[in-house]
PDB file of N, CA and C in Angstrom:
ATOM      1  N   VAL A   1       0.851  -1.196   0.000  1.00  0.00           N
ATOM      2  CA  VAL A   1       0.000   0.000   0.000  1.00  0.00           C
ATOM      3  C   VAL A   1       0.883   1.241   0.000  1.00  0.00           C
ATOM      4  N   GLN A   2       0.516   2.222  -0.830  1.00  0.00           N
ATOM      5  CA  GLN A   2       1.284   3.463  -0.886  1.00  0.00           C
ATOM      6  C   GLN A   2       0.349   4.632  -1.124  1.00  0.00           C
ATOM      7  N   PHE A   3       0.600   5.721  -0.411  1.00  0.00           N
ATOM      8  CA  PHE A   3      -0.105   6.976  -0.621  1.00  0.00           C
ATOM      9  C   PHE A   3       0.936   8.069  -0.815  1.00  0.00           C
ATOM     10  N   VAL A   4       0.744   8.891  -1.844  1.00  0.00           N
ATOM     11  CA  VAL A   4       1.638  10.017  -2.084  1.00  0.00           C
ATOM     12  C   VAL A   4       0.792  11.273  -2.226  1.00  0.00           C
ATOM     13  N   GLU A   5       0.880  12.123  -1.213  1.00  0.00           N
ATOM     14  CA  GLU A   5       0.094  13.357  -1.184  1.00  0.00           C
ATOM     15  C   GLU A   5       0.910  14.525  -1.725  1.00  0.00           C
ATOM     16  N   THR A   6       0.290  15.341  -2.543  1.00  0.00           N
ATOM     17  CA  THR A   6       0.937  16.526  -3.115  1.00  0.00           C
ATOM     18  C   THR A   6      -0.045  17.685  -3.153  1.00  0.00           C
ATOM     19  N   GLY A   7       0.499  18.885  -3.433  1.00  0.00           N
ATOM     20  CA  GLY A   7      -0.345  20.050  -3.640  1.00  0.00           C
ATOM     21  C   GLY A   7      -0.388  21.041  -2.500  1.00  0.00           C
ATOM     22  N   GLY A   8       0.258  20.732  -1.404  1.00  0.00           N
ATOM     23  CA  GLY A   8       0.256  21.669  -0.289  1.00  0.00           C
ATOM     24  C   GLY A   8       1.116  22.887  -0.563  1.00  0.00           C
ATOM     25  N   GLY A   9       1.094  23.820   0.367  1.00  0.00           N
ATOM     26  CA  GLY A   9       1.902  25.021   0.227  1.00  0.00           C
ATOM     27  C   GLY A   9       1.473  26.089   1.201  1.00  0.00           C
ATOM     28  N   LEU A  10       2.017  27.285   0.978  1.00  0.00           N
ATOM     29  CA  LEU A  10       1.679  28.443   1.802  1.00  0.00           C
ATOM     30  C   LEU A  10       0.626  29.271   1.075  1.00  0.00           C
ATOM     31  N   VAL A  11      -0.443  29.595   1.755  1.00  0.00           N
ATOM     32  CA  VAL A  11      -1.534  30.348   1.144  1.00  0.00           C
ATOM     33  C   VAL A  11      -2.060  31.364   2.151  1.00  0.00           C
ATOM     34  N   HIS A  12      -2.533  32.501   1.654  1.00  0.00           N
ATOM     35  CA  HIS A  12      -3.112  33.526   2.516  1.00  0.00           C
ATOM     36  C   HIS A  12      -4.503  33.114   2.972  1.00  0.00           C
ATOM     37  N   PRO A  13      -4.946  33.616   4.105  1.00  0.00           N
ATOM     38  CA  PRO A  13      -6.332  33.359   4.531  1.00  0.00           C
ATOM     39  C   PRO A  13      -7.317  33.764   3.444  1.00  0.00           C
ATOM     40  N   GLY A  14      -8.304  32.914   3.219  1.00  0.00           N
ATOM     41  CA  GLY A  14      -9.269  33.139   2.155  1.00  0.00           C
ATOM     42  C   GLY A  14      -8.879  32.503   0.834  1.00  0.00           C
ATOM     43  N   GLY A  15      -7.677  32.007   0.742  1.00  0.00           N
ATOM     44  CA  GLY A  15      -7.185  31.404  -0.491  1.00  0.00           C
ATOM     45  C   GLY A  15      -7.648  29.970  -0.684  1.00  0.00           C
ATOM     46  N   SER A  16      -7.163  29.372  -1.776  1.00  0.00           N
ATOM     47  CA  SER A  16      -7.572  28.010  -2.138  1.00  0.00           C
ATOM     48  C   SER A  16      -6.359  27.154  -2.470  1.00  0.00           C
ATOM     49  N   LEU A  17      -6.522  25.864  -2.293  1.00  0.00           N
ATOM     50  CA  LEU A  17      -5.522  24.875  -2.696  1.00  0.00           C
ATOM     51  C   LEU A  17      -6.249  23.601  -3.108  1.00  0.00           C
ATOM     52  N   ARG A  18      -5.628  22.847  -3.983  1.00  0.00           N
ATOM     53  CA  ARG A  18      -6.151  21.539  -4.367  1.00  0.00           C
ATOM     54  C   ARG A  18      -5.084  20.492  -4.070  1.00  0.00           C
ATOM     55  N   LEU A  19      -5.404  19.595  -3.168  1.00  0.00           N
ATOM     56  CA  LEU A  19      -4.512  18.511  -2.824  1.00  0.00           C
ATOM     57  C   LEU A  19      -4.831  17.276  -3.661  1.00  0.00           C
ATOM     58  N   SER A  20      -3.794  16.502  -3.953  1.00  0.00           N
ATOM     59  CA  SER A  20      -3.950  15.243  -4.674  1.00  0.00           C
ATOM     60  C   SER A  20      -3.287  14.129  -3.871  1.00  0.00           C
ATOM     61  N   CYS A  21      -3.836  12.932  -4.008  1.00  0.00           N
ATOM     62  CA  CYS A  21      -3.246  11.771  -3.365  1.00  0.00           C
ATOM     63  C   CYS A  21      -3.292  10.608  -4.341  1.00  0.00           C
ATOM     64  N   ALA A  22      -2.117  10.149  -4.773  1.00  0.00           N
ATOM     65  CA  ALA A  22      -2.010   8.982  -5.640  1.00  0.00           C
ATOM     66  C   ALA A  22      -1.874   7.747  -4.762  1.00  0.00           C
ATOM     67  N   ALA A  23      -2.772   6.788  -4.973  1.00  0.00           N
ATOM     68  CA  ALA A  23      -2.800   5.586  -4.139  1.00  0.00           C
ATOM     69  C   ALA A  23      -2.463   4.359  -4.974  1.00  0.00           C
ATOM     70  N   SER A  24      -1.878   3.356  -4.352  1.00  0.00           N
ATOM     71  CA  SER A  24      -1.563   2.112  -5.034  1.00  0.00           C
ATOM     72  C   SER A  24      -1.469   0.985  -4.012  1.00  0.00           C
ATOM     73  N   GLY A  25      -1.506  -0.245  -4.523  1.00  0.00           N
ATOM     74  CA  GLY A  25      -1.329  -1.406  -3.656  1.00  0.00           C
ATOM     75  C   GLY A  25      -2.616  -2.028  -3.152  1.00  0.00           C
ATOM     76  N   PHE A  26      -3.741  -1.494  -3.568  1.00  0.00           N
ATOM     77  CA  PHE A  26      -5.041  -2.058  -3.206  1.00  0.00           C
ATOM     78  C   PHE A  26      -6.026  -1.680  -4.318  1.00  0.00           C
ATOM     79  N   THR A  27      -7.231  -2.210  -4.236  1.00  0.00           N
ATOM     80  CA  THR A  27      -8.221  -1.958  -5.285  1.00  0.00           C
ATOM     81  C   THR A  27      -8.877  -0.609  -5.045  1.00  0.00           C
ATOM     82  N   PHE A  28      -8.292   0.402  -5.646  1.00  0.00           N
ATOM     83  CA  PHE A  28      -8.733   1.773  -5.405  1.00  0.00           C
ATOM     84  C   PHE A  28     -10.192   1.977  -5.779  1.00  0.00           C
ATOM     85  N   SER A  29     -10.574   1.474  -6.946  1.00  0.00           N
ATOM     86  CA  SER A  29     -11.906   1.779  -7.477  1.00  0.00           C
ATOM     87  C   SER A  29     -13.033   1.292  -6.576  1.00  0.00           C
ATOM     88  N   SER A  30     -12.785   0.282  -5.748  1.00  0.00           N
ATOM     89  CA  SER A  30     -13.834  -0.250  -4.887  1.00  0.00           C
ATOM     90  C   SER A  30     -13.663   0.156  -3.427  1.00  0.00           C
ATOM     91  N   SER A  31     -12.729   1.058  -3.188  1.00  0.00           N
ATOM     92  CA  SER A  31     -12.430   1.477  -1.816  1.00  0.00           C
ATOM     93  C   SER A  31     -12.899   2.897  -1.554  1.00  0.00           C
ATOM     94  N   ALA A  32     -13.555   3.104  -0.415  1.00  0.00           N
ATOM     95  CA  ALA A  32     -13.796   4.465   0.027  1.00  0.00           C
ATOM     96  C   ALA A  32     -12.442   5.110   0.317  1.00  0.00           C
ATOM     97  N   MET A  33     -12.390   6.434   0.174  1.00  0.00           N
ATOM     98  CA  MET A  33     -11.148   7.167   0.427  1.00  0.00           C
ATOM     99  C   MET A  33     -11.447   8.346   1.338  1.00  0.00           C
ATOM    100  N   SER A  34     -10.444   8.777   2.049  1.00  0.00           N
ATOM    101  CA  SER A  34     -10.638   9.860   2.993  1.00  0.00           C
ATOM    102  C   SER A  34      -9.376  10.692   3.138  1.00  0.00           C
ATOM    103  N   TRP A  35      -9.578  11.913   3.596  1.00  0.00           N
ATOM    104  CA  TRP A  35      -8.485  12.828   3.895  1.00  0.00           C
ATOM    105  C   TRP A  35      -8.471  13.085   5.405  1.00  0.00           C
ATOM    106  N   TYR A  36      -7.262  13.221   5.940  1.00  0.00           N
ATOM    107  CA  TYR A  36      -7.050  13.511   7.343  1.00  0.00           C
ATOM    108  C   TYR A  36      -6.060  14.668   7.452  1.00  0.00           C
ATOM    109  N   ARG A  37      -5.980  15.264   8.619  1.00  0.00           N
ATOM    110  CA  ARG A  37      -4.965  16.288   8.853  1.00  0.00           C
ATOM    111  C   ARG A  37      -4.487  16.220  10.293  1.00  0.00           C
ATOM    112  N   GLN A  38      -3.258  16.663  10.467  1.00  0.00           N
ATOM    113  CA  GLN A  38      -2.681  16.706  11.806  1.00  0.00           C
ATOM    114  C   GLN A  38      -1.945  18.024  11.988  1.00  0.00           C
ATOM    115  N   ALA A  39      -2.442  18.805  12.905  1.00  0.00           N
ATOM    116  CA  ALA A  39      -1.811  20.074  13.234  1.00  0.00           C
ATOM    117  C   ALA A  39      -0.784  19.849  14.344  1.00  0.00           C
ATOM    118  N   PRO A  40       0.193  20.740  14.460  1.00  0.00           N
ATOM    119  CA  PRO A  40       1.213  20.579  15.503  1.00  0.00           C
ATOM    120  C   PRO A  40       0.597  20.446  16.892  1.00  0.00           C
ATOM    121  N   GLY A  41       1.012  19.418  17.617  1.00  0.00           N
ATOM    122  CA  GLY A  41       0.537  19.218  18.974  1.00  0.00           C
ATOM    123  C   GLY A  41      -0.851  18.629  19.095  1.00  0.00           C
ATOM    124  N   LYS A  42      -1.455  18.278  17.948  1.00  0.00           N
ATOM    125  CA  LYS A  42      -2.808  17.725  17.963  1.00  0.00           C
ATOM    126  C   LYS A  42      -2.837  16.340  17.335  1.00  0.00           C
ATOM    127  N   GLU A  43      -3.893  15.602  17.618  1.00  0.00           N
ATOM    128  CA  GLU A  43      -4.047  14.291  17.011  1.00  0.00           C
ATOM    129  C   GLU A  43      -4.534  14.428  15.570  1.00  0.00           C
ATOM    130  N   ARG A  44      -4.248  13.414  14.800  1.00  0.00           N
ATOM    131  CA  ARG A  44      -4.744  13.379  13.423  1.00  0.00           C
ATOM    132  C   ARG A  44      -6.267  13.277  13.449  1.00  0.00           C
ATOM    133  N   GLU A  45      -6.926  14.020  12.573  1.00  0.00           N
ATOM    134  CA  GLU A  45      -8.386  14.034  12.529  1.00  0.00           C
ATOM    135  C   GLU A  45      -8.886  13.818  11.109  1.00  0.00           C
ATOM    136  N   LEU A  46     -10.065  13.228  11.019  1.00  0.00           N
ATOM    137  CA  LEU A  46     -10.726  13.028   9.734  1.00  0.00           C
ATOM    138  C   LEU A  46     -11.233  14.363   9.204  1.00  0.00           C
ATOM    139  N   VAL A  47     -10.948  14.630   7.951  1.00  0.00           N
ATOM    140  CA  VAL A  47     -11.421  15.853   7.301  1.00  0.00           C
ATOM    141  C   VAL A  47     -12.603  15.562   6.381  1.00  0.00           C
ATOM    142  N   ALA A  48     -12.463  14.528   5.540  1.00  0.00           N
ATOM    143  CA  ALA A  48     -13.514  14.216   4.574  1.00  0.00           C
ATOM    144  C   ALA A  48     -13.398  12.763   4.125  1.00  0.00           C
ATOM    145  N   GLY A  49     -14.547  12.157   3.789  1.00  0.00           N
ATOM    146  CA  GLY A  49     -14.575  10.797   3.283  1.00  0.00           C
ATOM    147  C   GLY A  49     -15.465  10.713   2.063  1.00  0.00           C
ATOM    148  N   LEU A  50     -15.171   9.759   1.178  1.00  0.00           N
ATOM    149  CA  LEU A  50     -15.918   9.605  -0.070  1.00  0.00           C
ATOM    150  C   LEU A  50     -16.041   8.121  -0.377  1.00  0.00           C
ATOM    151  N   ARG A  51     -17.277   7.664  -0.473  1.00  0.00           N
ATOM    152  CA  ARG A  51     -17.503   6.259  -0.805  1.00  0.00           C
ATOM    153  C   ARG A  51     -17.227   6.027  -2.292  1.00  0.00           C
ATOM    154  N   SER A  52     -16.964   4.754  -2.625  1.00  0.00           N
ATOM    155  CA  SER A  52     -16.519   4.428  -3.976  1.00  0.00           C
ATOM    156  C   SER A  52     -17.656   4.343  -4.973  1.00  0.00           C
ATOM    157  N   VAL A  53     -18.788   3.753  -4.586  1.00  0.00           N
ATOM    158  CA  VAL A  53     -19.869   3.511  -5.540  1.00  0.00           C
ATOM    159  C   VAL A  53     -20.960   4.573  -5.407  1.00  0.00           C
ATOM    160  N   SER A  54     -21.483   4.748  -4.207  1.00  0.00           N
ATOM    161  CA  SER A  54     -22.557   5.725  -4.007  1.00  0.00           C
ATOM    162  C   SER A  54     -22.057   7.155  -4.110  1.00  0.00           C
ATOM    163  N   ARG A  55     -20.731   7.325  -3.939  1.00  0.00           N
ATOM    164  CA  ARG A  55     -20.116   8.648  -3.934  1.00  0.00           C
ATOM    165  C   ARG A  55     -20.664   9.516  -2.789  1.00  0.00           C
ATOM    166  N   ALA A  56     -21.191   8.867  -1.754  1.00  0.00           N
ATOM    167  CA  ALA A  56     -21.594   9.602  -0.552  1.00  0.00           C
ATOM    168  C   ALA A  56     -20.367  10.217   0.093  1.00  0.00           C
ATOM    169  N   THR A  57     -20.570  11.384   0.703  1.00  0.00           N
ATOM    170  CA  THR A  57     -19.459  12.095   1.332  1.00  0.00           C
ATOM    171  C   THR A  57     -19.791  12.421   2.783  1.00  0.00           C
ATOM    172  N   ASN A  58     -18.750  12.603   3.567  1.00  0.00           N
ATOM    173  CA  ASN A  58     -18.909  13.139   4.912  1.00  0.00           C
ATOM    174  C   ASN A  58     -17.763  14.085   5.179  1.00  0.00           C
ATOM    175  N   TYR A  59     -18.041  15.136   5.913  1.00  0.00           N
ATOM    176  CA  TYR A  59     -17.052  16.172   6.176  1.00  0.00           C
ATOM    177  C   TYR A  59     -17.039  16.522   7.665  1.00  0.00           C
ATOM    178  N   ALA A  60     -15.871  16.883   8.146  1.00  0.00           N
ATOM    179  CA  ALA A  60     -15.791  17.442   9.490  1.00  0.00           C
ATOM    180  C   ALA A  60     -16.566  18.757   9.510  1.00  0.00           C
ATOM    181  N   ASP A  61     -17.212  19.043  10.616  1.00  0.00           N
ATOM    182  CA  ASP A  61     -18.006  20.272  10.705  1.00  0.00           C
ATOM    183  C   ASP A  61     -17.173  21.511  10.392  1.00  0.00           C
ATOM    184  N   SER A  62     -15.905  21.470  10.747  1.00  0.00           N
ATOM    185  CA  SER A  62     -15.042  22.634  10.584  1.00  0.00           C
ATOM    186  C   SER A  62     -14.732  22.963   9.127  1.00  0.00           C
ATOM    187  N   VAL A  63     -14.981  22.016   8.209  1.00  0.00           N
ATOM    188  CA  VAL A  63     -14.644  22.263   6.802  1.00  0.00           C
ATOM    189  C   VAL A  63     -15.859  22.206   5.886  1.00  0.00           C
ATOM    190  N   LYS A  64     -17.017  21.887   6.424  1.00  0.00           N
ATOM    191  CA  LYS A  64     -18.226  21.802   5.587  1.00  0.00           C
ATOM    192  C   LYS A  64     -18.481  23.112   4.859  1.00  0.00           C
ATOM    193  N   GLY A  65     -18.786  22.992   3.572  1.00  0.00           N
ATOM    194  CA  GLY A  65     -19.053  24.167   2.764  1.00  0.00           C
ATOM    195  C   GLY A  65     -17.803  24.829   2.205  1.00  0.00           C
ATOM    196  N   ARG A  66     -16.624  24.394   2.662  1.00  0.00           N
ATOM    197  CA  ARG A  66     -15.368  24.986   2.187  1.00  0.00           C
ATOM    198  C   ARG A  66     -14.498  23.971   1.449  1.00  0.00           C
ATOM    199  N   PHE A  67     -14.542  22.719   1.845  1.00  0.00           N
ATOM    200  CA  PHE A  67     -13.727  21.667   1.244  1.00  0.00           C
ATOM    201  C   PHE A  67     -14.614  20.713   0.452  1.00  0.00           C
ATOM    202  N   THR A  68     -14.055  20.167  -0.635  1.00  0.00           N
ATOM    203  CA  THR A  68     -14.756  19.175  -1.450  1.00  0.00           C
ATOM    204  C   THR A  68     -13.815  18.029  -1.781  1.00  0.00           C
ATOM    205  N   ILE A  69     -14.238  16.825  -1.462  1.00  0.00           N
ATOM    206  CA  ILE A  69     -13.458  15.627  -1.790  1.00  0.00           C
ATOM    207  C   ILE A  69     -13.988  15.034  -3.081  1.00  0.00           C
ATOM    208  N   SER A  70     -13.088  14.566  -3.935  1.00  0.00           N
ATOM    209  CA  SER A  70     -13.482  13.937  -5.190  1.00  0.00           C
ATOM    210  C   SER A  70     -12.446  12.879  -5.543  1.00  0.00           C
ATOM    211  N   ARG A  71     -12.712  12.117  -6.585  1.00  0.00           N
ATOM    212  CA  ARG A  71     -11.799  11.037  -6.959  1.00  0.00           C
ATOM    213  C   ARG A  71     -11.828  10.810  -8.451  1.00  0.00           C
ATOM    214  N   ASP A  72     -10.731  10.241  -8.966  1.00  0.00           N
ATOM    215  CA  ASP A  72     -10.621   9.818 -10.357  1.00  0.00           C
ATOM    216  C   ASP A  72     -10.135   8.379 -10.316  1.00  0.00           C
ATOM    217  N   ASN A  73     -11.055   7.434 -10.512  1.00  0.00           N
ATOM    218  CA  ASN A  73     -10.677   6.020 -10.405  1.00  0.00           C
ATOM    219  C   ASN A  73      -9.709   5.608 -11.509  1.00  0.00           C
ATOM    220  N   ALA A  74      -9.762   6.268 -12.645  1.00  0.00           N
ATOM    221  CA  ALA A  74      -8.845   5.933 -13.738  1.00  0.00           C
ATOM    222  C   ALA A  74      -7.401   6.279 -13.380  1.00  0.00           C
ATOM    223  N   LYS A  75      -7.234   7.222 -12.487  1.00  0.00           N
ATOM    224  CA  LYS A  75      -5.901   7.656 -12.088  1.00  0.00           C
ATOM    225  C   LYS A  75      -5.527   7.203 -10.675  1.00  0.00           C
ATOM    226  N   ASN A  76      -6.416   6.438 -10.040  1.00  0.00           N
ATOM    227  CA  ASN A  76      -6.171   6.017  -8.650  1.00  0.00           C
ATOM    228  C   ASN A  76      -5.808   7.201  -7.769  1.00  0.00           C
ATOM    229  N   THR A  77      -6.551   8.283  -7.925  1.00  0.00           N
ATOM    230  CA  THR A  77      -6.228   9.527  -7.236  1.00  0.00           C
ATOM    231  C   THR A  77      -7.464  10.101  -6.561  1.00  0.00           C
ATOM    232  N   VAL A  78      -7.256  10.597  -5.354  1.00  0.00           N
ATOM    233  CA  VAL A  78      -8.314  11.301  -4.632  1.00  0.00           C
ATOM    234  C   VAL A  78      -7.850  12.740  -4.433  1.00  0.00           C
ATOM    235  N   TYR A  79      -8.798  13.669  -4.496  1.00  0.00           N
ATOM    236  CA  TYR A  79      -8.489  15.091  -4.410  1.00  0.00           C
ATOM    237  C   TYR A  79      -9.199  15.729  -3.216  1.00  0.00           C
ATOM    238  N   LEU A  80      -8.649  16.841  -2.780  1.00  0.00           N
ATOM    239  CA  LEU A  80      -9.313  17.657  -1.781  1.00  0.00           C
ATOM    240  C   LEU A  80      -9.196  19.106  -2.221  1.00  0.00           C
ATOM    241  N   GLN A  81     -10.309  19.665  -2.685  1.00  0.00           N
ATOM    242  CA  GLN A  81     -10.354  21.072  -3.055  1.00  0.00           C
ATOM    243  C   GLN A  81     -10.684  21.878  -1.814  1.00  0.00           C
ATOM    244  N   MET A  82      -9.800  22.782  -1.450  1.00  0.00           N
ATOM    245  CA  MET A  82      -9.963  23.581  -0.239  1.00  0.00           C
ATOM    246  C   MET A  82     -10.093  25.048  -0.626  1.00  0.00           C
ATOM    247  N   SER A  83     -11.127  25.690  -0.124  1.00  0.00           N
ATOM    248  CA  SER A  83     -11.322  27.104  -0.395  1.00  0.00           C
ATOM    249  C   SER A  83     -11.630  27.828   0.911  1.00  0.00           C
ATOM    250  N   SER A  84     -11.613  29.140   0.847  1.00  0.00           N
ATOM    251  CA  SER A  84     -11.849  29.970   2.040  1.00  0.00           C
ATOM    252  C   SER A  84     -10.997  29.489   3.210  1.00  0.00           C
ATOM    253  N   LEU A  85      -9.740  29.259   2.925  1.00  0.00           N
ATOM    254  CA  LEU A  85      -8.852  28.673   3.937  1.00  0.00           C
ATOM    255  C   LEU A  85      -8.646  29.626   5.107  1.00  0.00           C
ATOM    256  N   LYS A  86      -8.502  29.017   6.277  1.00  0.00           N
ATOM    257  CA  LYS A  86      -8.319  29.746   7.528  1.00  0.00           C
ATOM    258  C   LYS A  86      -7.000  29.325   8.178  1.00  0.00           C
ATOM    259  N   PRO A  87      -6.446  30.163   9.024  1.00  0.00           N
ATOM    260  CA  PRO A  87      -5.204  29.763   9.709  1.00  0.00           C
ATOM    261  C   PRO A  87      -5.337  28.437  10.456  1.00  0.00           C
ATOM    262  N   GLU A  88      -6.515  28.139  10.964  1.00  0.00           N
ATOM    263  CA  GLU A  88      -6.702  26.885  11.695  1.00  0.00           C
ATOM    264  C   GLU A  88      -6.738  25.657  10.800  1.00  0.00           C
ATOM    265  N   ASP A  89      -6.696  25.866   9.491  1.00  0.00           N
ATOM    266  CA  ASP A  89      -6.581  24.743   8.554  1.00  0.00           C
ATOM    267  C   ASP A  89      -5.123  24.316   8.381  1.00  0.00           C
ATOM    268  N   THR A  90      -4.202  25.063   8.957  1.00  0.00           N
ATOM    269  CA  THR A  90      -2.782  24.722   8.865  1.00  0.00           C
ATOM    270  C   THR A  90      -2.522  23.362   9.501  1.00  0.00           C
ATOM    271  N   ALA A  91      -1.947  22.463   8.708  1.00  0.00           N
ATOM    272  CA  ALA A  91      -1.702  21.093   9.173  1.00  0.00           C
ATOM    273  C   ALA A  91      -0.987  20.326   8.069  1.00  0.00           C
ATOM    274  N   VAL A  92      -0.549  19.125   8.403  1.00  0.00           N
ATOM    275  CA  VAL A  92      -0.103  18.178   7.390  1.00  0.00           C
ATOM    276  C   VAL A  92      -1.321  17.332   7.022  1.00  0.00           C
ATOM    277  N   TYR A  93      -1.563  17.236   5.721  1.00  0.00           N
ATOM    278  CA  TYR A  93      -2.736  16.526   5.214  1.00  0.00           C
ATOM    279  C   TYR A  93      -2.328  15.171   4.650  1.00  0.00           C
ATOM    280  N   TYR A  94      -3.107  14.161   5.006  1.00  0.00           N
ATOM    281  CA  TYR A  94      -2.854  12.791   4.584  1.00  0.00           C
ATOM    282  C   TYR A  94      -4.111  12.191   3.961  1.00  0.00           C
ATOM    283  N   CYS A  95      -3.924  11.174   3.126  1.00  0.00           N
ATOM    284  CA  CYS A  95      -5.074  10.407   2.647  1.00  0.00           C
ATOM    285  C   CYS A  95      -4.908   8.951   3.087  1.00  0.00           C
ATOM    286  N   ASN A  96      -6.013   8.231   3.043  1.00  0.00           N
ATOM    287  CA  ASN A  96      -6.009   6.807   3.371  1.00  0.00           C
ATOM    288  C   ASN A  96      -7.263   6.208   2.786  1.00  0.00           C
ATOM    289  N   ALA A  97      -7.340   4.929   2.724  1.00  0.00           N
ATOM    290  CA  ALA A  97      -8.573   4.256   2.320  1.00  0.00           C
ATOM    291  C   ALA A  97      -9.512   4.227   3.524  1.00  0.00           C
ATOM    292  N   GLY A  98     -10.800   4.073   3.228  1.00  0.00           N
ATOM    293  CA  GLY A  98     -11.798   4.065   4.292  1.00  0.00           C
ATOM    294  C   GLY A  98     -12.684   5.274   4.204  1.00  0.00           C
ATOM    295  N   TYR A  99     -13.849   5.233   4.847  1.00  0.00           N
ATOM    296  CA  TYR A  99     -14.828   6.320   4.766  1.00  0.00           C
ATOM    297  C   TYR A  99     -14.810   7.224   5.988  1.00  0.00           C
ATOM    298  N   SER A 100     -14.881   6.639   7.175  1.00  0.00           N
ATOM    299  CA  SER A 100     -14.900   7.442   8.400  1.00  0.00           C
ATOM    300  C   SER A 100     -13.758   7.092   9.337  1.00  0.00           C
ATOM    301  N   SER A 101     -12.930   6.143   8.927  1.00  0.00           N
ATOM    302  CA  SER A 101     -11.723   5.801   9.669  1.00  0.00           C
ATOM    303  C   SER A 101     -10.733   5.188   8.690  1.00  0.00           C
ATOM    304  N   ASN A 102      -9.461   5.230   9.035  1.00  0.00           N
ATOM    305  CA  ASN A 102      -8.444   4.738   8.104  1.00  0.00           C
ATOM    306  C   ASN A 102      -8.450   3.217   8.045  1.00  0.00           C
ATOM    307  N   LEU A 103      -8.434   2.725   6.792  1.00  0.00           N
ATOM    308  CA  LEU A 103      -8.424   1.284   6.577  1.00  0.00           C
ATOM    309  C   LEU A 103      -7.039   0.691   6.841  1.00  0.00           C
ATOM    310  N   PHE A 104      -6.007   1.441   6.474  1.00  0.00           N
ATOM    311  CA  PHE A 104      -4.645   0.947   6.609  1.00  0.00           C
ATOM    312  C   PHE A 104      -3.899   1.690   7.708  1.00  0.00           C
ATOM    313  N   ASP A 105      -3.006   0.992   8.368  1.00  0.00           N
ATOM    314  CA  ASP A 105      -2.156   1.617   9.380  1.00  0.00           C
ATOM    315  C   ASP A 105      -1.026   2.413   8.745  1.00  0.00           C
ATOM    316  N   TYR A 106      -0.730   2.102   7.482  1.00  0.00           N
ATOM    317  CA  TYR A 106       0.335   2.819   6.781  1.00  0.00           C
ATOM    318  C   TYR A 106      -0.142   4.214   6.395  1.00  0.00           C
ATOM    319  N   TRP A 107       0.722   5.198   6.566  1.00  0.00           N
ATOM    320  CA  TRP A 107       0.457   6.578   6.156  1.00  0.00           C
ATOM    321  C   TRP A 107       1.568   7.057   5.237  1.00  0.00           C
ATOM    322  N   GLY A 108       1.198   7.841   4.247  1.00  0.00           N
ATOM    323  CA  GLY A 108       2.176   8.444   3.380  1.00  0.00           C
ATOM    324  C   GLY A 108       2.870   9.602   4.071  1.00  0.00           C
ATOM    325  N   PRO A 109       3.696  10.345   3.338  1.00  0.00           N
ATOM    326  CA  PRO A 109       4.454  11.455   3.929  1.00  0.00           C
ATOM    327  C   PRO A 109       3.593  12.664   4.251  1.00  0.00           C
ATOM    328  N   GLY A 110       2.416  12.747   3.617  1.00  0.00           N
ATOM    329  CA  GLY A 110       1.561  13.908   3.813  1.00  0.00           C
ATOM    330  C   GLY A 110       2.054  15.111   3.031  1.00  0.00           C
ATOM    331  N   THR A 111       1.232  16.142   3.012  1.00  0.00           N
ATOM    332  CA  THR A 111       1.604  17.386   2.366  1.00  0.00           C
ATOM    333  C   THR A 111       1.245  18.534   3.308  1.00  0.00           C
ATOM    334  N   GLN A 112       2.185  19.464   3.476  1.00  0.00           N
ATOM    335  CA  GLN A 112       2.017  20.552   4.439  1.00  0.00           C
ATOM    336  C   GLN A 112       1.168  21.670   3.840  1.00  0.00           C
ATOM    337  N   VAL A 113       0.154  22.076   4.562  1.00  0.00           N
ATOM    338  CA  VAL A 113      -0.661  23.233   4.201  1.00  0.00           C
ATOM    339  C   VAL A 113      -0.484  24.268   5.302  1.00  0.00           C
ATOM    340  N   THR A 114      -0.043  25.458   4.912  1.00  0.00           N
ATOM    341  CA  THR A 114       0.139  26.549   5.870  1.00  0.00           C
ATOM    342  C   THR A 114      -0.689  27.737   5.404  1.00  0.00           C
ATOM    343  N   VAL A 115      -1.590  28.182   6.264  1.00  0.00           N
ATOM    344  CA  VAL A 115      -2.443  29.326   5.955  1.00  0.00           C
ATOM    345  C   VAL A 115      -2.016  30.473   6.863  1.00  0.00           C
ATOM    346  N   SER A 116      -1.436  31.487   6.244  1.00  0.00           N
ATOM    347  CA  SER A 116      -0.883  32.585   7.025  1.00  0.00           C
ATOM    348  C   SER A 116      -0.798  33.842   6.172  1.00  0.00           C
ATOM    349  N   SER A 117      -0.966  34.967   6.817  1.00  0.00           N
ATOM    350  CA  SER A 117      -0.808  36.240   6.111  1.00  0.00           C
ATOM    351  C   SER A 117       0.627  36.729   6.228  1.00  0.00           C
TER     352      SER A 117
END
């Protein structure tokens, strides 16, 4: 199993970023996928989940209406479109399989998102 997250960076409050996660080593097309984040000194938390067939989604209350999770099964890639970013969104972002909890214990390197003026 492998996850490679990209697309992070430094952005001003109110800005946008699109994160990508390339996954391999399991049947991506039939797996729910999710994004997580971990801020300094805090535990990793679920940000968003997306089922494989129904395409049902769930979002943390803190990001509802601002973040959108999507996927491209042909590319084995899951995305996280983030808009109206806030300083409290600053964290390392990770992806994993699963809808509301991580299916695998393995985590990729993550991608750093810093929201600051």
